[in-house]
Amino acid sequence: MRAHTLLILALAAAPLPALAQNQVPANRSQQTVEGINRSIESGAATRGIQQQNRFETNQLQGQIQRQQVAPPPAPVPIIVPHR
């Protein structure tokens, strides 16, 4: 769970390809659009992490509930034959 989260964060924080880094936005509107795009991408990564965490939490809660509802079966007695 933690490794998955760290991987997504690392990918989200990764630098853009070299060609895109060398290009300077031509004007303020282009800078605004690029800022909005980065914001959308960051939000999508965050939502992905949150969704994965919710899924894993729900899985764990389901396991706990199943364990509480059905207690483990009683141990089977060991019968040793007489010699």
N, C-alpha and C. Protein backbone atom coordinates (compact mmCIF):
# COMPACT_ATOMS: atom_id res chain seq x y z
N MET A 1 0.84 -1.18 0.00
CA MET A 1 0.00 0.00 0.00
C MET A 1 0.88 1.25 0.00
N ARG A 2 1.84 1.29 0.90
CA ARG A 2 2.72 2.46 0.98
C ARG A 2 3.60 2.58 -0.26
N ALA A 3 4.12 1.44 -0.73
CA ALA A 3 4.99 1.48 -1.90
C ALA A 3 4.22 1.97 -3.12
N HIS A 4 2.97 1.53 -3.23
CA HIS A 4 2.13 1.96 -4.36
C HIS A 4 1.92 3.47 -4.31
N THR A 5 1.64 3.99 -3.12
CA THR A 5 1.43 5.42 -2.94
C THR A 5 2.69 6.21 -3.30
N LEU A 6 3.83 5.73 -2.83
CA LEU A 6 5.08 6.43 -3.11
C LEU A 6 5.40 6.41 -4.60
N LEU A 7 5.08 5.31 -5.27
CA LEU A 7 5.32 5.22 -6.70
C LEU A 7 4.48 6.25 -7.45
N ILE A 8 3.22 6.36 -7.09
CA ILE A 8 2.34 7.32 -7.76
C ILE A 8 2.82 8.75 -7.50
N LEU A 9 3.19 9.03 -6.27
CA LEU A 9 3.69 10.38 -5.96
C LEU A 9 4.97 10.69 -6.73
N ALA A 10 5.84 9.70 -6.86
CA ALA A 10 7.09 9.91 -7.59
C ALA A 10 6.80 10.19 -9.06
N LEU A 11 5.85 9.46 -9.62
CA LEU A 11 5.50 9.69 -11.03
C LEU A 11 4.86 11.06 -11.22
N ALA A 12 4.02 11.47 -10.27
CA ALA A 12 3.36 12.77 -10.37
C ALA A 12 4.37 13.91 -10.27
N ALA A 13 5.43 13.69 -9.49
CA ALA A 13 6.42 14.74 -9.27
C ALA A 13 7.56 14.67 -10.31
N ALA A 14 7.55 13.66 -11.16
CA ALA A 14 8.62 13.50 -12.15
C ALA A 14 8.65 14.69 -13.11
N PRO A 15 9.83 15.08 -13.52
CA PRO A 15 9.93 16.20 -14.45
C PRO A 15 9.33 15.86 -15.80
N LEU A 16 8.89 16.89 -16.51
CA LEU A 16 8.33 16.71 -17.84
C LEU A 16 9.44 16.32 -18.80
N PRO A 17 9.12 15.77 -19.96
CA PRO A 17 10.17 15.42 -20.93
C PRO A 17 11.05 16.63 -21.28
N ALA A 18 12.26 16.35 -21.67
CA ALA A 18 13.25 17.41 -21.92
C ALA A 18 12.77 18.43 -22.93
N LEU A 19 12.11 18.00 -23.98
CA LEU A 19 11.65 18.96 -24.98
C LEU A 19 10.65 19.95 -24.39
N ALA A 20 9.77 19.48 -23.56
CA ALA A 20 8.77 20.36 -22.97
C ALA A 20 9.42 21.33 -21.98
N GLN A 21 10.49 20.91 -21.33
CA GLN A 21 11.16 21.78 -20.37
C GLN A 21 11.85 22.96 -21.06
N ASN A 22 12.30 22.75 -22.28
CA ASN A 22 13.02 23.80 -22.99
C ASN A 22 12.10 24.82 -23.63
N GLN A 23 10.82 24.51 -23.71
CA GLN A 23 9.88 25.42 -24.33
C GLN A 23 9.34 26.39 -23.29
N VAL A 24 9.46 27.68 -23.57
CA VAL A 24 8.94 28.71 -22.69
C VAL A 24 7.56 29.10 -23.20
N PRO A 25 6.55 29.12 -22.30
CA PRO A 25 5.21 29.52 -22.76
C PRO A 25 5.26 30.88 -23.43
N ALA A 26 4.54 31.00 -24.54
CA ALA A 26 4.59 32.22 -25.34
C ALA A 26 3.92 33.39 -24.65
N ASN A 27 2.84 33.14 -23.92
CA ASN A 27 2.14 34.26 -23.30
C ASN A 27 1.46 33.81 -22.00
N ARG A 28 0.85 34.77 -21.36
CA ARG A 28 0.23 34.51 -20.07
C ARG A 28 -0.90 33.49 -20.16
N SER A 29 -1.69 33.54 -21.23
CA SER A 29 -2.80 32.59 -21.36
C SER A 29 -2.28 31.16 -21.51
N GLN A 30 -1.19 31.00 -22.23
CA GLN A 30 -0.60 29.66 -22.38
C GLN A 30 -0.06 29.18 -21.03
N GLN A 31 0.55 30.07 -20.26
CA GLN A 31 1.04 29.72 -18.93
C GLN A 31 -0.12 29.31 -18.03
N THR A 32 -1.24 30.02 -18.15
CA THR A 32 -2.42 29.70 -17.35
C THR A 32 -2.95 28.32 -17.71
N VAL A 33 -3.03 28.03 -19.01
CA VAL A 33 -3.52 26.73 -19.46
C VAL A 33 -2.60 25.62 -18.95
N GLU A 34 -1.30 25.82 -19.03
CA GLU A 34 -0.36 24.80 -18.56
C GLU A 34 -0.48 24.62 -17.05
N GLY A 35 -0.69 25.69 -16.33
CA GLY A 35 -0.90 25.59 -14.89
C GLY A 35 -2.16 24.81 -14.55
N ILE A 36 -3.22 25.06 -15.29
CA ILE A 36 -4.48 24.33 -15.09
C ILE A 36 -4.27 22.85 -15.40
N ASN A 37 -3.57 22.57 -16.49
CA ASN A 37 -3.30 21.16 -16.84
C ASN A 37 -2.52 20.45 -15.74
N ARG A 38 -1.50 21.12 -15.20
CA ARG A 38 -0.73 20.52 -14.10
C ARG A 38 -1.62 20.28 -12.89
N SER A 39 -2.50 21.22 -12.62
CA SER A 39 -3.41 21.08 -11.49
C SER A 39 -4.35 19.89 -11.69
N ILE A 40 -4.86 19.73 -12.90
CA ILE A 40 -5.75 18.61 -13.20
C ILE A 40 -5.00 17.28 -13.05
N GLU A 41 -3.79 17.22 -13.57
CA GLU A 41 -3.00 16.00 -13.47
C GLU A 41 -2.69 15.67 -12.02
N SER A 42 -2.36 16.67 -11.24
CA SER A 42 -2.07 16.46 -9.82
C SER A 42 -3.32 15.97 -9.09
N GLY A 43 -4.46 16.57 -9.40
CA GLY A 43 -5.72 16.14 -8.78
C GLY A 43 -6.06 14.71 -9.15
N ALA A 44 -5.80 14.34 -10.39
CA ALA A 44 -6.09 12.97 -10.83
C ALA A 44 -5.19 11.98 -10.08
N ALA A 45 -3.93 12.32 -9.90
CA ALA A 45 -3.03 11.44 -9.16
C ALA A 45 -3.48 11.31 -7.71
N THR A 46 -3.88 12.42 -7.12
CA THR A 46 -4.35 12.40 -5.73
C THR A 46 -5.60 11.55 -5.60
N ARG A 47 -6.54 11.71 -6.54
CA ARG A 47 -7.77 10.91 -6.50
C ARG A 47 -7.46 9.42 -6.66
N GLY A 48 -6.50 9.10 -7.50
CA GLY A 48 -6.10 7.69 -7.67
C GLY A 48 -5.56 7.10 -6.38
N ILE A 49 -4.74 7.87 -5.68
CA ILE A 49 -4.19 7.42 -4.40
C ILE A 49 -5.31 7.25 -3.39
N GLN A 50 -6.22 8.22 -3.32
CA GLN A 50 -7.33 8.13 -2.38
C GLN A 50 -8.22 6.94 -2.68
N GLN A 51 -8.48 6.69 -3.95
CA GLN A 51 -9.32 5.57 -4.34
C GLN A 51 -8.66 4.25 -3.95
N GLN A 52 -7.37 4.13 -4.18
CA GLN A 52 -6.65 2.91 -3.81
C GLN A 52 -6.68 2.71 -2.30
N ASN A 53 -6.48 3.79 -1.55
CA ASN A 53 -6.52 3.69 -0.09
C ASN A 53 -7.90 3.28 0.40
N ARG A 54 -8.96 3.84 -0.20
CA ARG A 54 -10.33 3.45 0.19
C ARG A 54 -10.58 1.98 -0.11
N PHE A 55 -10.13 1.53 -1.26
CA PHE A 55 -10.31 0.13 -1.64
C PHE A 55 -9.62 -0.79 -0.63
N GLU A 56 -8.37 -0.48 -0.30
CA GLU A 56 -7.61 -1.31 0.65
C GLU A 56 -8.23 -1.27 2.04
N THR A 57 -8.71 -0.10 2.45
CA THR A 57 -9.37 0.03 3.75
C THR A 57 -10.64 -0.80 3.78
N ASN A 58 -11.43 -0.74 2.72
CA ASN A 58 -12.65 -1.54 2.66
C ASN A 58 -12.35 -3.03 2.69
N GLN A 59 -11.29 -3.44 2.01
CA GLN A 59 -10.90 -4.85 2.03
C GLN A 59 -10.56 -5.29 3.45
N LEU A 60 -9.78 -4.48 4.15
CA LEU A 60 -9.40 -4.81 5.53
C LEU A 60 -10.61 -4.83 6.46
N GLN A 61 -11.50 -3.87 6.30
CA GLN A 61 -12.71 -3.84 7.13
C GLN A 61 -13.56 -5.08 6.88
N GLY A 62 -13.66 -5.50 5.64
CA GLY A 62 -14.42 -6.71 5.32
C GLY A 62 -13.81 -7.94 5.96
N GLN A 63 -12.49 -8.04 5.93
CA GLN A 63 -11.81 -9.17 6.57
C GLN A 63 -12.06 -9.19 8.07
N ILE A 64 -11.99 -8.02 8.69
CA ILE A 64 -12.21 -7.93 10.14
C ILE A 64 -13.65 -8.33 10.47
N GLN A 65 -14.60 -7.84 9.69
CA GLN A 65 -16.00 -8.18 9.95
C GLN A 65 -16.25 -9.67 9.78
N ARG A 66 -15.66 -10.27 8.77
CA ARG A 66 -15.84 -11.72 8.56
C ARG A 66 -15.25 -12.50 9.73
N GLN A 67 -14.14 -12.05 10.27
CA GLN A 67 -13.53 -12.73 11.40
C GLN A 67 -14.37 -12.59 12.66
N GLN A 68 -15.02 -11.44 12.82
CA GLN A 68 -15.83 -11.22 14.01
C GLN A 68 -17.14 -11.99 13.93
N VAL A 69 -17.72 -12.11 12.75
CA VAL A 69 -19.00 -12.80 12.58
C VAL A 69 -18.82 -14.30 12.75
N ALA A 70 -17.82 -14.86 12.14
CA ALA A 70 -17.59 -16.30 12.18
C ALA A 70 -16.34 -16.58 13.01
N PRO A 71 -16.53 -16.94 14.29
CA PRO A 71 -15.35 -17.25 15.10
C PRO A 71 -14.67 -18.51 14.56
N PRO A 72 -13.41 -18.67 14.82
CA PRO A 72 -12.71 -19.83 14.29
C PRO A 72 -13.32 -21.12 14.84
N PRO A 73 -13.31 -22.18 14.06
CA PRO A 73 -13.89 -23.44 14.53
C PRO A 73 -13.10 -24.00 15.72
N ALA A 74 -13.81 -24.75 16.54
CA ALA A 74 -13.16 -25.36 17.70
C ALA A 74 -12.13 -26.38 17.21
N PRO A 75 -11.04 -26.50 17.94
CA PRO A 75 -10.02 -27.46 17.50
C PRO A 75 -10.56 -28.89 17.58
N VAL A 76 -10.17 -29.68 16.63
CA VAL A 76 -10.59 -31.08 16.58
C VAL A 76 -9.75 -31.85 17.60
N PRO A 77 -10.40 -32.64 18.47
CA PRO A 77 -9.61 -33.39 19.47
C PRO A 77 -8.76 -34.47 18.78
N ILE A 78 -7.61 -34.67 19.32
CA ILE A 78 -6.71 -35.69 18.79
C ILE A 78 -7.00 -36.99 19.55
N ILE A 79 -7.32 -38.02 18.81
CA ILE A 79 -7.62 -39.31 19.42
C ILE A 79 -6.43 -40.24 19.17
N VAL A 80 -5.86 -40.71 20.27
CA VAL A 80 -4.72 -41.61 20.18
C VAL A 80 -5.22 -43.02 20.43
N PRO A 81 -5.03 -43.93 19.51
CA PRO A 81 -5.50 -45.31 19.72
C PRO A 81 -4.72 -45.99 20.84
N HIS A 82 -5.39 -46.89 21.55
CA HIS A 82 -4.74 -47.64 22.63
C HIS A 82 -3.90 -48.75 22.03
N ARG A 83 -2.83 -49.06 22.65
CA ARG A 83 -1.93 -50.08 22.13
C ARG A 83 -2.09 -51.37 22.85
